[in-house]
Every structure is written in C-alpha cells, then in structure tokens.
C-alpha cells in the first residue's frame, strides 16, 4: 500500500486506518500481504505521533494484547513518546502498558515514575487509565498497592525516571 510510505503524515495516518478497514473485511488478505509488517515498522519509526497512534490502534486489533505487552522494547518506546500523543492515544498506550508485566520492583517504580504526571491530567479517562496501570503493576507489591489505592500521595519512588534511560 503506497500510502504507508507517503511523505505526508496525513496520508500515512489515513492509509493505516484504511488497512484496518480492509483487515476487518478480509483479515487473511492483510495478514498474508505483509502490510501488517509495514504498519509495525511505522509504529517504531514514524516521527508523527498520530501516525504512531493509528498504527497502535491497528496492531492492537490484529495481534493479541498479551503478545504486544510482553515486548519490553515496544512498551518503553511508547511510554517514552507518551507526551507526544493526543490524550486519547495516551489512553490507548496506557491500556497496553496495563497488560505489561515488569521484571521486578525496580522496573515497576521506573514505569510508575515515568507515568506519574498522567495522574494530574485534565482528561478523566487519562487519569483512570493511569490509575489502572498503577493498580495492575503493584498487585504483587502489597504495601505499595495499598498506597496507590489510598491515593498514592506517598508511594515510594525508586529510580527517578529510569524508564527513559532503559529504552
């Protein structure tokens, strides 16, 4: 699909949504054509945040969420670009992040530190999505989970923004 490689972001955004519409009508056609790989490539490489957001919407529908959320590099890539996205695209990213399972407490704190400012967003859907991530990520950390449930005013911070360094 030529539109995926166009130099204008609007054309790429629209092309990705067109691929998604075609996928809904004929998943095998899109899957067998290699277009999904092109969209995945845009997801990592495109400089336009809306193109990336549209790619995420498409890939989330084509691939199982658990598979996407198990890719640490992918999750950190999106977290590091979070502020570039619209509020609704940030909600989609946070939904994906809520399915990610960090390797240890240090990584949990790194991610929570990177996402903490989303708790003060003006969009209530974004705040709820951030809270969901905080609750899911701290399930195995009883004391921290209770602090998050109480409002998180004093949850212990470790790592101080290391999420940006790790990606």
C-alpha atoms as a PDB file:
ATOM      1  CA  UNK A   1       0.000   0.000   0.000  1.00  0.00           C
ATOM      2  CA  UNK A   2       1.741   3.136  -1.256  1.00  0.00           C
ATOM      3  CA  UNK A   3       0.071   5.464   1.261  1.00  0.00           C
ATOM      4  CA  UNK A   4       2.011   3.920   4.149  1.00  0.00           C
ATOM      5  CA  UNK A   5       5.240   5.267   2.671  1.00  0.00           C
ATOM      6  CA  UNK A   6       3.986   8.718   1.676  1.00  0.00           C
ATOM      7  CA  UNK A   7       5.979  11.718   2.871  1.00  0.00           C
ATOM      8  CA  UNK A   8       2.868  13.481   4.242  1.00  0.00           C
ATOM      9  CA  UNK A   9       1.762  12.329   7.713  1.00  0.00           C
ATOM     10  CA  UNK A  10      -1.920  12.826   6.921  1.00  0.00           C
ATOM     11  CA  UNK A  11      -1.687  10.333   4.059  1.00  0.00           C
ATOM     12  CA  UNK A  12       0.110   7.793   6.284  1.00  0.00           C
ATOM     13  CA  UNK A  13      -2.488   8.235   9.064  1.00  0.00           C
ATOM     14  CA  UNK A  14      -5.318   7.669   6.636  1.00  0.00           C
ATOM     15  CA  UNK A  15      -3.572   4.736   4.959  1.00  0.00           C
ATOM     16  CA  UNK A  16      -3.178   2.955   8.305  1.00  0.00           C
ATOM     17  CA  UNK A  17      -6.874   3.360   9.037  1.00  0.00           C
ATOM     18  CA  UNK A  18      -7.627   2.103   5.518  1.00  0.00           C
ATOM     19  CA  UNK A  19      -5.550  -1.004   6.204  1.00  0.00           C
ATOM     20  CA  UNK A  20      -7.559  -1.549   9.383  1.00  0.00           C
ATOM     21  CA  UNK A  21     -10.833  -1.302   7.454  1.00  0.00           C
ATOM     22  CA  UNK A  22      -9.573  -3.809   4.900  1.00  0.00           C
ATOM     23  CA  UNK A  23      -8.439  -6.093   7.731  1.00  0.00           C
ATOM     24  CA  UNK A  24     -11.970  -6.044   9.180  1.00  0.00           C
ATOM     25  CA  UNK A  25     -13.353  -7.145   5.809  1.00  0.00           C
ATOM     26  CA  UNK A  26     -10.616  -9.655   4.942  1.00  0.00           C
ATOM     27  CA  UNK A  27      -8.054 -10.387   7.683  1.00  0.00           C
ATOM     28  CA  UNK A  28      -6.225 -13.021   5.637  1.00  0.00           C
ATOM     29  CA  UNK A  29      -5.635 -10.598   2.773  1.00  0.00           C
ATOM     30  CA  UNK A  30      -3.950  -8.058   5.046  1.00  0.00           C
ATOM     31  CA  UNK A  31      -2.044 -10.656   7.072  1.00  0.00           C
ATOM     32  CA  UNK A  32      -0.700 -12.517   4.037  1.00  0.00           C
ATOM     33  CA  UNK A  33       0.267  -9.367   2.126  1.00  0.00           C
ATOM     34  CA  UNK A  34       2.919  -8.191   4.588  1.00  0.00           C
ATOM     35  CA  UNK A  35       1.112  -4.919   5.213  1.00  0.00           C
ATOM     36  CA  UNK A  36       0.950  -5.627   8.944  1.00  0.00           C
ATOM     37  CA  UNK A  37       4.765  -5.659   8.990  1.00  0.00           C
ATOM     38  CA  UNK A  38       4.797  -2.262   7.253  1.00  0.00           C
ATOM     39  CA  UNK A  39       2.417  -0.875   9.869  1.00  0.00           C
ATOM     40  CA  UNK A  40       4.559  -2.360  12.667  1.00  0.00           C
ATOM     41  CA  UNK A  41       7.573  -0.638  11.130  1.00  0.00           C
ATOM     42  CA  UNK A  42       5.745   2.700  11.138  1.00  0.00           C
ATOM     43  CA  UNK A  43       4.818   2.115  14.760  1.00  0.00           C
ATOM     44  CA  UNK A  44       8.508   2.151  15.703  1.00  0.00           C
ATOM     45  CA  UNK A  45       9.886   4.614  13.178  1.00  0.00           C
ATOM     46  CA  UNK A  46       7.322   7.227  12.185  1.00  0.00           C
ATOM     47  CA  UNK A  47       8.028  10.694  13.608  1.00  0.00           C
ATOM     48  CA  UNK A  48       4.343  11.733  13.534  1.00  0.00           C
ATOM     49  CA  UNK A  49       2.579  10.841  16.807  1.00  0.00           C
ATOM     50  CA  UNK A  50      -0.839  10.462  15.181  1.00  0.00           C
ATOM     51  CA  UNK A  51       0.542   8.009  12.622  1.00  0.00           C
ATOM     52  CA  UNK A  52       2.025   6.006  15.508  1.00  0.00           C
ATOM     53  CA  UNK A  53      -1.291   6.183  17.406  1.00  0.00           C
ATOM     54  CA  UNK A  54      -3.203   4.912  14.365  1.00  0.00           C
ATOM     55  CA  UNK A  55      -0.650   2.124  13.919  1.00  0.00           C
ATOM     56  CA  UNK A  56      -1.115   1.164  17.560  1.00  0.00           C
ATOM     57  CA  UNK A  57      -4.896   1.030  17.101  1.00  0.00           C
ATOM     58  CA  UNK A  58      -4.466  -1.243  14.121  1.00  0.00           C
ATOM     59  CA  UNK A  59      -1.846  -3.551  15.627  1.00  0.00           C
ATOM     60  CA  UNK A  60      -3.834  -3.917  18.874  1.00  0.00           C
ATOM     61  CA  UNK A  61      -6.765  -5.243  16.851  1.00  0.00           C
ATOM     62  CA  UNK A  62      -4.638  -7.575  14.728  1.00  0.00           C
ATOM     63  CA  UNK A  63      -2.368  -9.054  17.432  1.00  0.00           C
ATOM     64  CA  UNK A  64      -3.181 -10.321  20.919  1.00  0.00           C
ATOM     65  CA  UNK A  65      -2.704  -7.651  23.597  1.00  0.00           C
ATOM     66  CA  UNK A  66      -0.662 -10.037  25.762  1.00  0.00           C
ATOM     67  CA  UNK A  67       1.846 -10.549  22.946  1.00  0.00           C
ATOM     68  CA  UNK A  68       2.248  -6.822  22.377  1.00  0.00           C
ATOM     69  CA  UNK A  69       2.525  -6.096  26.092  1.00  0.00           C
ATOM     70  CA  UNK A  70       5.213  -8.747  26.553  1.00  0.00           C
ATOM     71  CA  UNK A  71       7.621  -6.810  24.314  1.00  0.00           C
ATOM     72  CA  UNK A  72       9.590  -4.594  26.719  1.00  0.00           C
ATOM     73  CA  UNK A  73      11.237  -2.560  23.957  1.00  0.00           C
ATOM     74  CA  UNK A  74       7.848  -1.823  22.402  1.00  0.00           C
ATOM     75  CA  UNK A  75       6.267  -0.786  25.713  1.00  0.00           C
ATOM     76  CA  UNK A  76       9.170   1.500  26.645  1.00  0.00           C
ATOM     77  CA  UNK A  77       9.192   3.028  23.164  1.00  0.00           C
ATOM     78  CA  UNK A  78       5.552   4.045  23.606  1.00  0.00           C
ATOM     79  CA  UNK A  79       5.997   5.200  27.214  1.00  0.00           C
ATOM     80  CA  UNK A  80       8.930   7.389  26.181  1.00  0.00           C
ATOM     81  CA  UNK A  81       6.799   9.026  23.476  1.00  0.00           C
ATOM     82  CA  UNK A  82       3.655   9.259  25.605  1.00  0.00           C
ATOM     83  CA  UNK A  83       3.602  13.053  25.879  1.00  0.00           C
ATOM     84  CA  UNK A  84       3.714  13.363  22.084  1.00  0.00           C
ATOM     85  CA  UNK A  85       0.342  11.639  21.699  1.00  0.00           C
ATOM     86  CA  UNK A  86      -3.153  13.062  21.981  1.00  0.00           C
ATOM     87  CA  UNK A  87      -4.915  12.328  25.263  1.00  0.00           C
ATOM     88  CA  UNK A  88      -6.990   9.577  23.651  1.00  0.00           C
ATOM     89  CA  UNK A  89      -3.923   7.971  22.114  1.00  0.00           C
ATOM     90  CA  UNK A  90      -2.262   8.152  25.537  1.00  0.00           C
ATOM     91  CA  UNK A  91      -5.233   6.182  26.908  1.00  0.00           C
ATOM     92  CA  UNK A  92      -4.611   3.504  24.268  1.00  0.00           C
ATOM     93  CA  UNK A  93      -0.922   3.357  25.197  1.00  0.00           C
ATOM     94  CA  UNK A  94      -1.773   3.097  28.893  1.00  0.00           C
ATOM     95  CA  UNK A  95      -4.212   0.273  28.165  1.00  0.00           C
ATOM     96  CA  UNK A  96      -1.353  -1.614  26.547  1.00  0.00           C
ATOM     97  CA  UNK A  97       1.026  -0.760  29.408  1.00  0.00           C
ATOM     98  CA  UNK A  98      -1.519  -2.069  31.936  1.00  0.00           C
ATOM     99  CA  UNK A  99      -1.000  -5.530  30.402  1.00  0.00           C
ATOM    100  CA  UNK A 100       2.804  -5.336  30.646  1.00  0.00           C
ATOM    101  CA  UNK A 101       4.488  -7.338  33.406  1.00  0.00           C
ATOM    102  CA  UNK A 102       7.699  -5.693  34.660  1.00  0.00           C
ATOM    103  CA  UNK A 103      10.601  -7.945  35.617  1.00  0.00           C
ATOM    104  CA  UNK A 104      10.943  -6.598  39.155  1.00  0.00           C
ATOM    105  CA  UNK A 105      10.095  -3.867  41.633  1.00  0.00           C
ATOM    106  CA  UNK A 106      12.762  -1.544  40.269  1.00  0.00           C
ATOM    107  CA  UNK A 107      11.202  -1.682  36.815  1.00  0.00           C
ATOM    108  CA  UNK A 108       7.740  -1.138  38.314  1.00  0.00           C
ATOM    109  CA  UNK A 109       8.968   2.041  40.012  1.00  0.00           C
ATOM    110  CA  UNK A 110      10.699   3.194  36.830  1.00  0.00           C
ATOM    111  CA  UNK A 111       7.462   2.889  34.884  1.00  0.00           C
ATOM    112  CA  UNK A 112       5.318   4.432  37.612  1.00  0.00           C
ATOM    113  CA  UNK A 113       7.712   7.383  37.820  1.00  0.00           C
ATOM    114  CA  UNK A 114       7.508   7.828  34.060  1.00  0.00           C
ATOM    115  CA  UNK A 115       3.700   7.749  34.164  1.00  0.00           C
ATOM    116  CA  UNK A 116       3.074   9.682  37.375  1.00  0.00           C
ATOM    117  CA  UNK A 117       2.321  13.010  35.701  1.00  0.00           C
ATOM    118  CA  UNK A 118      -0.611  11.398  33.849  1.00  0.00           C
ATOM    119  CA  UNK A 119      -2.394  11.217  37.223  1.00  0.00           C
ATOM    120  CA  UNK A 120      -2.748  15.003  37.094  1.00  0.00           C
ATOM    121  CA  UNK A 121      -4.154  15.170  33.572  1.00  0.00           C
ATOM    122  CA  UNK A 122      -7.309  17.173  32.910  1.00  0.00           C
ATOM    123  CA  UNK A 123      -8.849  14.329  30.901  1.00  0.00           C
ATOM    124  CA  UNK A 124     -10.559  11.982  33.361  1.00  0.00           C
ATOM    125  CA  UNK A 125     -10.222   8.998  31.004  1.00  0.00           C
ATOM    126  CA  UNK A 126      -6.461   9.501  31.001  1.00  0.00           C
ATOM    127  CA  UNK A 127      -6.362   9.689  34.800  1.00  0.00           C
ATOM    128  CA  UNK A 128      -8.410   6.483  35.082  1.00  0.00           C
ATOM    129  CA  UNK A 129      -6.126   4.745  32.561  1.00  0.00           C
ATOM    130  CA  UNK A 130      -3.064   5.803  34.576  1.00  0.00           C
ATOM    131  CA  UNK A 131      -4.643   4.593  37.820  1.00  0.00           C
ATOM    132  CA  UNK A 132      -5.374   1.253  36.157  1.00  0.00           C
ATOM    133  CA  UNK A 133      -1.683   0.916  35.238  1.00  0.00           C
ATOM    134  CA  UNK A 134      -0.614   1.801  38.786  1.00  0.00           C
ATOM    135  CA  UNK A 135      -3.024  -0.712  40.312  1.00  0.00           C
ATOM    136  CA  UNK A 136      -2.115  -3.524  37.915  1.00  0.00           C
ATOM    137  CA  UNK A 137       1.626  -3.011  38.252  1.00  0.00           C
ATOM    138  CA  UNK A 138       1.598  -3.005  42.037  1.00  0.00           C
ATOM    139  CA  UNK A 139      -0.618  -6.070  42.563  1.00  0.00           C
ATOM    140  CA  UNK A 140       2.360  -8.150  43.730  1.00  0.00           C
ATOM    141  CA  UNK A 141       3.638  -5.369  45.995  1.00  0.00           C
ATOM    142  CA  UNK A 142       1.094  -5.281  48.832  1.00  0.00           C
ATOM    143  CA  UNK A 143       2.279  -2.161  50.691  1.00  0.00           C
ATOM    144  CA  UNK A 144       2.767  -0.122  47.524  1.00  0.00           C
ATOM    145  CA  UNK A 145      -0.553  -1.339  46.135  1.00  0.00           C
ATOM    146  CA  UNK A 146      -2.317  -0.122  49.287  1.00  0.00           C
ATOM    147  CA  UNK A 147      -0.618   3.271  48.966  1.00  0.00           C
ATOM    148  CA  UNK A 148      -1.760   3.522  45.352  1.00  0.00           C
ATOM    149  CA  UNK A 149      -5.296   2.564  46.385  1.00  0.00           C
ATOM    150  CA  UNK A 150      -5.284   5.282  49.049  1.00  0.00           C
ATOM    151  CA  UNK A 151      -4.316   7.954  46.563  1.00  0.00           C
ATOM    152  CA  UNK A 152      -0.618   7.406  46.113  1.00  0.00           C
ATOM    153  CA  UNK A 153       0.432  10.575  47.902  1.00  0.00           C
ATOM    154  CA  UNK A 154       3.413   8.854  49.477  1.00  0.00           C
ATOM    155  CA  UNK A 155       4.128   5.829  47.324  1.00  0.00           C
ATOM    156  CA  UNK A 156       7.839   5.026  47.461  1.00  0.00           C
ATOM    157  CA  UNK A 157       9.655   6.223  44.394  1.00  0.00           C
ATOM    158  CA  UNK A 158      12.706   4.398  43.156  1.00  0.00           C
ATOM    159  CA  UNK A 159      14.812   5.002  40.096  1.00  0.00           C
ATOM    160  CA  UNK A 160      13.732   8.564  39.271  1.00  0.00           C
ATOM    161  CA  UNK A 161      12.867   8.489  35.601  1.00  0.00           C
ATOM    162  CA  UNK A 162      14.959   5.486  34.659  1.00  0.00           C
ATOM    163  CA  UNK A 163      12.276   4.422  32.173  1.00  0.00           C
ATOM    164  CA  UNK A 164      13.691   6.900  29.695  1.00  0.00           C
ATOM    165  CA  UNK A 165      17.227   5.562  30.138  1.00  0.00           C
ATOM    166  CA  UNK A 166      16.297   1.900  29.719  1.00  0.00           C
ATOM    167  CA  UNK A 167      14.511   2.012  26.406  1.00  0.00           C
END
